[in-house]
Amino acid sequence: MSAIERVSNPAESYSLLIVDDDDLIMSLLRDLLAREERYRISTTPDPMEALTLLRAGPFDLLITDYRMPEMTGLDLIREARRLHRDLIGILITGFAWPDAAAEATEAGAYDLMLKPLNIGEVRVTVRNACERIRLVRENRRYQSELEQARAESARGAEAEGPSAPIAEIGLFPPTPSPAGKGPKKEEQVLDQLERLGKLYQMGLLTKEEFILRKARLLGRT
């Protein structure tokens, strides 16, 4: 049995799957996270049904208990990440064995939360996980737009001269400004530099990619 919470803005939403054979914990997590409209939430107490849901469609985040019938939470995270390579898994457990963190990391878990759950910790952990998901999406989009821009630049190099700097070919979305006014160029550059920095800090860009993009953004190449 599963429950799904709708969001008003699907473009900024994150699909969450909560799996726990303790209905009280599962309901608590669902009710807590459903307060944020950007989360689209599915729940099930059965890890085998969770696999059915995972095979039926993509999920961004899996929050699962460790001890469940038929399958552990670690096994579920492993299988979920095999189905969806960008999925982030969060493991919940009522006991911490010596190698818990290491085993969770090896299985591909993003974080581990101990019971009794702390509401504040849950919110922060999920928000941090979704921020990473957003950066992965953003990086993928940037890579696609960069490749497209390079291809277009190569095709029109003779007619249009040198290729445009990254900041001018739409690689980064413009920063919204009040009263419909266009953002100042300096503000755009600072905002885009901040985005590059976040991608680099999250390990989504290599040092060489960061330096290259920064130079292009500043019009040095």
C-alpha atoms as a PDB file:
ATOM      1  CA  MET A   1       0.000   0.000   0.000  1.00  0.00           C
ATOM      2  CA  SER A   2       1.371   3.397  -0.893  1.00  0.00           C
ATOM      3  CA  ALA A   3       0.378   7.006  -0.377  1.00  0.00           C
ATOM      4  CA  ILE A   4       1.324   9.864  -2.674  1.00  0.00           C
ATOM      5  CA  GLU A   5       1.377  13.572  -1.827  1.00  0.00           C
ATOM      6  CA  ARG A   6       0.961  15.978  -4.767  1.00  0.00           C
ATOM      7  CA  VAL A   7       2.993  19.148  -5.205  1.00  0.00           C
ATOM      8  CA  SER A   8       1.904  22.399  -6.794  1.00  0.00           C
ATOM      9  CA  ASN A   9       5.108  22.944  -8.769  1.00  0.00           C
ATOM     10  CA  PRO A  10       6.355  19.676 -10.342  1.00  0.00           C
ATOM     11  CA  ALA A  11       9.325  21.445 -11.970  1.00  0.00           C
ATOM     12  CA  GLU A  12      10.874  22.040  -8.525  1.00  0.00           C
ATOM     13  CA  SER A  13       9.690  18.853  -6.885  1.00  0.00           C
ATOM     14  CA  TYR A  14      11.553  15.860  -5.489  1.00  0.00           C
ATOM     15  CA  SER A  15      10.094  12.365  -5.453  1.00  0.00           C
ATOM     16  CA  LEU A  16      10.589  10.657  -2.078  1.00  0.00           C
ATOM     17  CA  LEU A  17       9.946   7.038  -1.172  1.00  0.00           C
ATOM     18  CA  ILE A  18       9.644   6.234   2.545  1.00  0.00           C
ATOM     19  CA  VAL A  19       9.880   2.562   3.538  1.00  0.00           C
ATOM     20  CA  ASP A  20       9.386   1.427   7.139  1.00  0.00           C
ATOM     21  CA  ASP A  21       7.433  -1.520   8.539  1.00  0.00           C
ATOM     22  CA  ASP A  22       6.682   0.593  11.606  1.00  0.00           C
ATOM     23  CA  ASP A  23       3.528   2.450  10.532  1.00  0.00           C
ATOM     24  CA  LEU A  24       3.973   5.054  13.244  1.00  0.00           C
ATOM     25  CA  ILE A  25       7.470   6.043  12.072  1.00  0.00           C
ATOM     26  CA  MET A  26       6.417   5.956   8.425  1.00  0.00           C
ATOM     27  CA  SER A  27       3.396   8.184   9.089  1.00  0.00           C
ATOM     28  CA  LEU A  28       5.496  10.563  11.176  1.00  0.00           C
ATOM     29  CA  LEU A  29       8.026  11.009   8.374  1.00  0.00           C
ATOM     30  CA  ARG A  30       5.331  11.417   5.739  1.00  0.00           C
ATOM     31  CA  ASP A  31       3.392  14.010   7.731  1.00  0.00           C
ATOM     32  CA  LEU A  32       6.555  15.906   8.639  1.00  0.00           C
ATOM     33  CA  LEU A  33       7.915  16.102   5.091  1.00  0.00           C
ATOM     34  CA  ALA A  34       4.543  16.662   3.421  1.00  0.00           C
ATOM     35  CA  ARG A  35       4.504  20.152   4.928  1.00  0.00           C
ATOM     36  CA  GLU A  36       6.888  21.193   2.146  1.00  0.00           C
ATOM     37  CA  GLU A  37       5.000  21.261  -1.146  1.00  0.00           C
ATOM     38  CA  ARG A  38       8.069  20.513  -3.220  1.00  0.00           C
ATOM     39  CA  TYR A  39       8.152  16.927  -1.928  1.00  0.00           C
ATOM     40  CA  ARG A  40       6.142  14.278  -3.770  1.00  0.00           C
ATOM     41  CA  ILE A  41       5.927  11.439  -1.269  1.00  0.00           C
ATOM     42  CA  SER A  42       5.185   7.730  -1.622  1.00  0.00           C
ATOM     43  CA  THR A  43       5.158   5.358   1.349  1.00  0.00           C
ATOM     44  CA  THR A  44       5.055   1.636   1.888  1.00  0.00           C
ATOM     45  CA  PRO A  45       5.833  -0.674   4.846  1.00  0.00           C
ATOM     46  CA  ASP A  46       6.920  -3.464   2.496  1.00  0.00           C
ATOM     47  CA  PRO A  47      10.423  -3.416   0.941  1.00  0.00           C
ATOM     48  CA  MET A  48       9.274  -5.746  -1.852  1.00  0.00           C
ATOM     49  CA  GLU A  49       6.510  -3.318  -2.786  1.00  0.00           C
ATOM     50  CA  ALA A  50       9.098  -0.562  -2.607  1.00  0.00           C
ATOM     51  CA  LEU A  51      11.057  -2.372  -5.308  1.00  0.00           C
ATOM     52  CA  THR A  52       7.903  -2.550  -7.433  1.00  0.00           C
ATOM     53  CA  LEU A  53       7.443   1.209  -7.039  1.00  0.00           C
ATOM     54  CA  LEU A  54      11.102   1.833  -7.860  1.00  0.00           C
ATOM     55  CA  ARG A  55      10.873  -0.260 -11.018  1.00  0.00           C
ATOM     56  CA  ALA A  56       7.688   1.531 -12.077  1.00  0.00           C
ATOM     57  CA  GLY A  57       9.179   5.014 -12.046  1.00  0.00           C
ATOM     58  CA  PRO A  58      12.135   7.154 -10.974  1.00  0.00           C
ATOM     59  CA  PHE A  59      12.625   8.402  -7.426  1.00  0.00           C
ATOM     60  CA  ASP A  60      15.074  11.028  -6.206  1.00  0.00           C
ATOM     61  CA  LEU A  61      15.302  10.058  -2.543  1.00  0.00           C
ATOM     62  CA  LEU A  62      14.774   6.823  -0.629  1.00  0.00           C
ATOM     63  CA  ILE A  63      14.355   6.895   3.158  1.00  0.00           C
ATOM     64  CA  THR A  64      14.316   3.376   4.532  1.00  0.00           C
ATOM     65  CA  ASP A  65      14.466   1.531   7.830  1.00  0.00           C
ATOM     66  CA  TYR A  66      17.271  -0.982   8.268  1.00  0.00           C
ATOM     67  CA  ARG A  67      15.482  -3.953   9.844  1.00  0.00           C
ATOM     68  CA  MET A  68      12.529  -5.108   7.752  1.00  0.00           C
ATOM     69  CA  PRO A  69      11.109  -8.464   6.693  1.00  0.00           C
ATOM     70  CA  GLU A  70      12.630 -10.052   3.567  1.00  0.00           C
ATOM     71  CA  MET A  71      15.199  -7.315   2.955  1.00  0.00           C
ATOM     72  CA  THR A  72      17.388  -4.916   4.917  1.00  0.00           C
ATOM     73  CA  GLY A  73      17.415  -1.210   4.227  1.00  0.00           C
ATOM     74  CA  LEU A  74      20.995  -1.457   2.958  1.00  0.00           C
ATOM     75  CA  ASP A  75      19.990  -4.086   0.401  1.00  0.00           C
ATOM     76  CA  LEU A  76      17.068  -1.919  -0.657  1.00  0.00           C
ATOM     77  CA  ILE A  77      19.330   1.101  -1.157  1.00  0.00           C
ATOM     78  CA  ARG A  78      21.753  -0.982  -3.227  1.00  0.00           C
ATOM     79  CA  GLU A  79      18.952  -2.210  -5.476  1.00  0.00           C
ATOM     80  CA  ALA A  80      17.379   1.243  -5.714  1.00  0.00           C
ATOM     81  CA  ARG A  81      20.659   2.799  -6.833  1.00  0.00           C
ATOM     82  CA  ARG A  82      21.110   0.052  -9.385  1.00  0.00           C
ATOM     83  CA  LEU A  83      17.743   1.050 -10.840  1.00  0.00           C
ATOM     84  CA  HIS A  84      18.287   4.814 -10.501  1.00  0.00           C
ATOM     85  CA  ARG A  85      21.963   5.776 -10.365  1.00  0.00           C
ATOM     86  CA  ASP A  86      21.318   9.315  -9.119  1.00  0.00           C
ATOM     87  CA  LEU A  87      18.973   8.246  -6.317  1.00  0.00           C
ATOM     88  CA  ILE A  88      20.033   9.250  -2.816  1.00  0.00           C
ATOM     89  CA  GLY A  89      19.430   6.812   0.012  1.00  0.00           C
ATOM     90  CA  ILE A  90      19.021   7.635   3.698  1.00  0.00           C
ATOM     91  CA  LEU A  91      19.151   4.761   6.178  1.00  0.00           C
ATOM     92  CA  ILE A  92      17.227   4.752   9.480  1.00  0.00           C
ATOM     93  CA  THR A  93      18.196   2.363  12.256  1.00  0.00           C
ATOM     94  CA  GLY A  94      17.382   1.853  15.912  1.00  0.00           C
ATOM     95  CA  PHE A  95      20.854   0.600  16.753  1.00  0.00           C
ATOM     96  CA  ALA A  96      24.346   1.542  15.626  1.00  0.00           C
ATOM     97  CA  TRP A  97      26.795  -1.300  15.163  1.00  0.00           C
ATOM     98  CA  PRO A  98      30.537  -0.482  14.927  1.00  0.00           C
ATOM     99  CA  ASP A  99      30.706  -0.492  11.123  1.00  0.00           C
ATOM    100  CA  ALA A 100      27.268   1.002  10.507  1.00  0.00           C
ATOM    101  CA  ALA A 101      28.483   4.204   8.855  1.00  0.00           C
ATOM    102  CA  ALA A 102      31.046   2.377   6.716  1.00  0.00           C
ATOM    103  CA  GLU A 103      28.520  -0.219   5.548  1.00  0.00           C
ATOM    104  CA  ALA A 104      25.937   2.443   4.798  1.00  0.00           C
ATOM    105  CA  THR A 105      28.451   4.400   2.725  1.00  0.00           C
ATOM    106  CA  GLU A 106      29.532   1.260   0.885  1.00  0.00           C
ATOM    107  CA  ALA A 107      25.899   0.533   0.008  1.00  0.00           C
ATOM    108  CA  GLY A 108      25.562   4.018  -1.448  1.00  0.00           C
ATOM    109  CA  ALA A 109      23.665   5.634   1.417  1.00  0.00           C
ATOM    110  CA  TYR A 110      23.963   9.416   1.624  1.00  0.00           C
ATOM    111  CA  ASP A 111      23.384   9.533   5.389  1.00  0.00           C
ATOM    112  CA  LEU A 112      22.367   7.477   8.390  1.00  0.00           C
ATOM    113  CA  MET A 113      19.824   8.606  11.023  1.00  0.00           C
ATOM    114  CA  LEU A 114      19.432   6.940  14.404  1.00  0.00           C
ATOM    115  CA  LYS A 115      16.151   6.315  16.231  1.00  0.00           C
ATOM    116  CA  PRO A 116      14.593   7.978  18.101  1.00  0.00           C
ATOM    117  CA  LEU A 117      14.451  10.418  15.214  1.00  0.00           C
ATOM    118  CA  ASN A 118      15.088  14.080  15.793  1.00  0.00           C
ATOM    119  CA  ILE A 119      12.610  16.165  13.767  1.00  0.00           C
ATOM    120  CA  GLY A 120      15.116  18.928  13.153  1.00  0.00           C
ATOM    121  CA  GLU A 121      17.753  16.445  11.996  1.00  0.00           C
ATOM    122  CA  VAL A 122      15.296  14.793   9.607  1.00  0.00           C
ATOM    123  CA  ARG A 123      14.392  18.108   7.992  1.00  0.00           C
ATOM    124  CA  VAL A 124      18.013  19.201   7.609  1.00  0.00           C
ATOM    125  CA  THR A 125      19.174  15.830   6.274  1.00  0.00           C
ATOM    126  CA  VAL A 126      16.396  15.664   3.682  1.00  0.00           C
ATOM    127  CA  ARG A 127      16.909  19.282   2.610  1.00  0.00           C
ATOM    128  CA  ASN A 128      20.667  18.712   2.227  1.00  0.00           C
ATOM    129  CA  ALA A 129      19.996  15.585   0.186  1.00  0.00           C
ATOM    130  CA  CYS A 130      17.579  17.471  -2.076  1.00  0.00           C
ATOM    131  CA  GLU A 131      20.113  20.276  -2.501  1.00  0.00           C
ATOM    132  CA  ARG A 132      22.606  17.715  -3.770  1.00  0.00           C
ATOM    133  CA  ILE A 133      19.960  16.322  -6.125  1.00  0.00           C
ATOM    134  CA  ARG A 134      19.306  19.846  -7.415  1.00  0.00           C
ATOM    135  CA  LEU A 135      23.006  20.408  -8.049  1.00  0.00           C
ATOM    136  CA  VAL A 136      23.303  17.100  -9.899  1.00  0.00           C
ATOM    137  CA  ARG A 137      20.345  18.087 -12.089  1.00  0.00           C
ATOM    138  CA  GLU A 138      21.823  21.520 -12.636  1.00  0.00           C
ATOM    139  CA  ASN A 139      25.216  20.118 -13.543  1.00  0.00           C
ATOM    140  CA  ARG A 140      23.661  17.722 -16.036  1.00  0.00           C
ATOM    141  CA  ARG A 141      21.730  20.568 -17.612  1.00  0.00           C
ATOM    142  CA  TYR A 142      24.857  22.740 -17.766  1.00  0.00           C
ATOM    143  CA  GLN A 143      26.842  19.940 -19.387  1.00  0.00           C
ATOM    144  CA  SER A 144      24.135  19.430 -22.004  1.00  0.00           C
ATOM    145  CA  GLU A 145      23.881  23.152 -22.737  1.00  0.00           C
ATOM    146  CA  LEU A 146      27.654  23.474 -22.884  1.00  0.00           C
ATOM    147  CA  GLU A 147      27.950  20.653 -25.410  1.00  0.00           C
ATOM    148  CA  GLN A 148      25.146  22.161 -27.467  1.00  0.00           C
ATOM    149  CA  ALA A 149      26.775  25.593 -27.349  1.00  0.00           C
ATOM    150  CA  ARG A 150      30.135  24.162 -28.399  1.00  0.00           C
ATOM    151  CA  ALA A 151      28.513  22.353 -31.322  1.00  0.00           C
ATOM    152  CA  GLU A 152      26.664  25.481 -32.436  1.00  0.00           C
ATOM    153  CA  SER A 153      29.811  27.568 -32.026  1.00  0.00           C
ATOM    154  CA  ALA A 154      31.829  25.138 -34.140  1.00  0.00           C
ATOM    155  CA  ARG A 155      29.205  25.148 -36.899  1.00  0.00           C
ATOM    156  CA  GLY A 156      29.048  28.933 -37.029  1.00  0.00           C
ATOM    157  CA  ALA A 157      32.660  29.780 -36.192  1.00  0.00           C
ATOM    158  CA  GLU A 158      33.525  31.171 -39.615  1.00  0.00           C
ATOM    159  CA  ALA A 159      30.356  33.275 -39.875  1.00  0.00           C
ATOM    160  CA  GLU A 160      30.206  34.548 -36.312  1.00  0.00           C
ATOM    161  CA  GLY A 161      33.853  34.720 -35.271  1.00  0.00           C
ATOM    162  CA  PRO A 162      35.116  33.508 -31.851  1.00  0.00           C
ATOM    163  CA  SER A 163      32.691  31.524 -29.756  1.00  0.00           C
ATOM    164  CA  ALA A 164      30.778  33.435 -27.106  1.00  0.00           C
ATOM    165  CA  PRO A 165      31.797  33.263 -23.447  1.00  0.00           C
ATOM    166  CA  ILE A 166      29.800  30.862 -21.332  1.00  0.00           C
ATOM    167  CA  ALA A 167      27.956  33.714 -19.655  1.00  0.00           C
ATOM    168  CA  GLU A 168      26.551  34.792 -23.032  1.00  0.00           C
ATOM    169  CA  ILE A 169      25.376  31.437 -24.399  1.00  0.00           C
ATOM    170  CA  GLY A 170      22.818  30.659 -21.742  1.00  0.00           C
ATOM    171  CA  LEU A 171      24.823  28.096 -19.807  1.00  0.00           C
ATOM    172  CA  PHE A 172      23.630  29.620 -16.548  1.00  0.00           C
ATOM    173  CA  PRO A 173      20.049  30.824 -16.011  1.00  0.00           C
ATOM    174  CA  PRO A 174      19.764  34.556 -15.275  1.00  0.00           C
ATOM    175  CA  THR A 175      19.170  35.703 -11.730  1.00  0.00           C
ATOM    176  CA  PRO A 176      15.588  37.013 -11.295  1.00  0.00           C
ATOM    177  CA  SER A 177      15.407  40.709 -10.469  1.00  0.00           C
ATOM    178  CA  PRO A 178      12.635  42.801  -8.897  1.00  0.00           C
ATOM    179  CA  ALA A 179      10.125  44.906 -10.875  1.00  0.00           C
ATOM    180  CA  GLY A 180      10.941  43.037 -14.088  1.00  0.00           C
ATOM    181  CA  LYS A 181      14.294  44.780 -14.509  1.00  0.00           C
ATOM    182  CA  GLY A 182      17.127  42.872 -16.091  1.00  0.00           C
ATOM    183  CA  PRO A 183      19.914  41.798 -13.685  1.00  0.00           C
ATOM    184  CA  LYS A 184      23.160  43.727 -13.824  1.00  0.00           C
ATOM    185  CA  LYS A 185      25.982  41.928 -15.598  1.00  0.00           C
ATOM    186  CA  GLU A 186      28.129  41.990 -12.460  1.00  0.00           C
ATOM    187  CA  GLU A 187      25.333  40.406 -10.418  1.00  0.00           C
ATOM    188  CA  GLN A 188      24.875  37.695 -13.042  1.00  0.00           C
ATOM    189  CA  VAL A 189      28.579  36.886 -13.009  1.00  0.00           C
ATOM    190  CA  LEU A 190      28.707  36.729  -9.195  1.00  0.00           C
ATOM    191  CA  ASP A 191      25.634  34.495  -9.105  1.00  0.00           C
ATOM    192  CA  GLN A 192      27.110  32.181 -11.735  1.00  0.00           C
ATOM    193  CA  LEU A 193      30.453  32.053  -9.932  1.00  0.00           C
ATOM    194  CA  GLU A 194      28.610  31.042  -6.773  1.00  0.00           C
ATOM    195  CA  ARG A 195      26.874  28.233  -8.671  1.00  0.00           C
ATOM    196  CA  LEU A 196      30.198  27.030 -10.036  1.00  0.00           C
ATOM    197  CA  GLY A 197      31.643  27.061  -6.532  1.00  0.00           C
ATOM    198  CA  LYS A 198      28.788  24.946  -5.196  1.00  0.00           C
ATOM    199  CA  LEU A 199      29.178  22.404  -7.987  1.00  0.00           C
ATOM    200  CA  TYR A 200      32.921  22.176  -7.298  1.00  0.00           C
ATOM    201  CA  GLN A 201      32.456  21.834  -3.519  1.00  0.00           C
ATOM    202  CA  MET A 202      29.908  19.048  -4.046  1.00  0.00           C
ATOM    203  CA  GLY A 203      32.421  17.179  -6.189  1.00  0.00           C
ATOM    204  CA  LEU A 204      30.323  17.570  -9.337  1.00  0.00           C
ATOM    205  CA  LEU A 205      33.083  19.446 -11.160  1.00  0.00           C
ATOM    206  CA  THR A 206      36.774  18.597 -11.276  1.00  0.00           C
ATOM    207  CA  LYS A 207      39.307  21.281 -10.435  1.00  0.00           C
ATOM    208  CA  GLU A 208      40.224  21.554 -14.125  1.00  0.00           C
ATOM    209  CA  GLU A 209      36.559  21.911 -15.166  1.00  0.00           C
ATOM    210  CA  PHE A 210      36.012  24.557 -12.505  1.00  0.00           C
ATOM    211  CA  ILE A 211      39.041  26.580 -13.617  1.00  0.00           C
ATOM    212  CA  LEU A 212      38.052  26.319 -17.289  1.00  0.00           C
ATOM    213  CA  ARG A 213      34.452  27.363 -16.694  1.00  0.00           C
ATOM    214  CA  LYS A 214      35.485  30.190 -14.404  1.00  0.00           C
ATOM    215  CA  ALA A 215      37.910  31.512 -17.022  1.00  0.00           C
ATOM    216  CA  ARG A 216      35.274  31.298 -19.751  1.00  0.00           C
ATOM    217  CA  LEU A 217      32.715  32.961 -17.526  1.00  0.00           C
ATOM    218  CA  LEU A 218      35.082  35.871 -16.974  1.00  0.00           C
ATOM    219  CA  GLY A 219      35.798  36.025 -20.696  1.00  0.00           C
ATOM    220  CA  ARG A 220      39.445  35.003 -20.413  1.00  0.00           C
ATOM    221  CA  THR A 221      39.274  32.232 -23.036  1.00  0.00           C
END
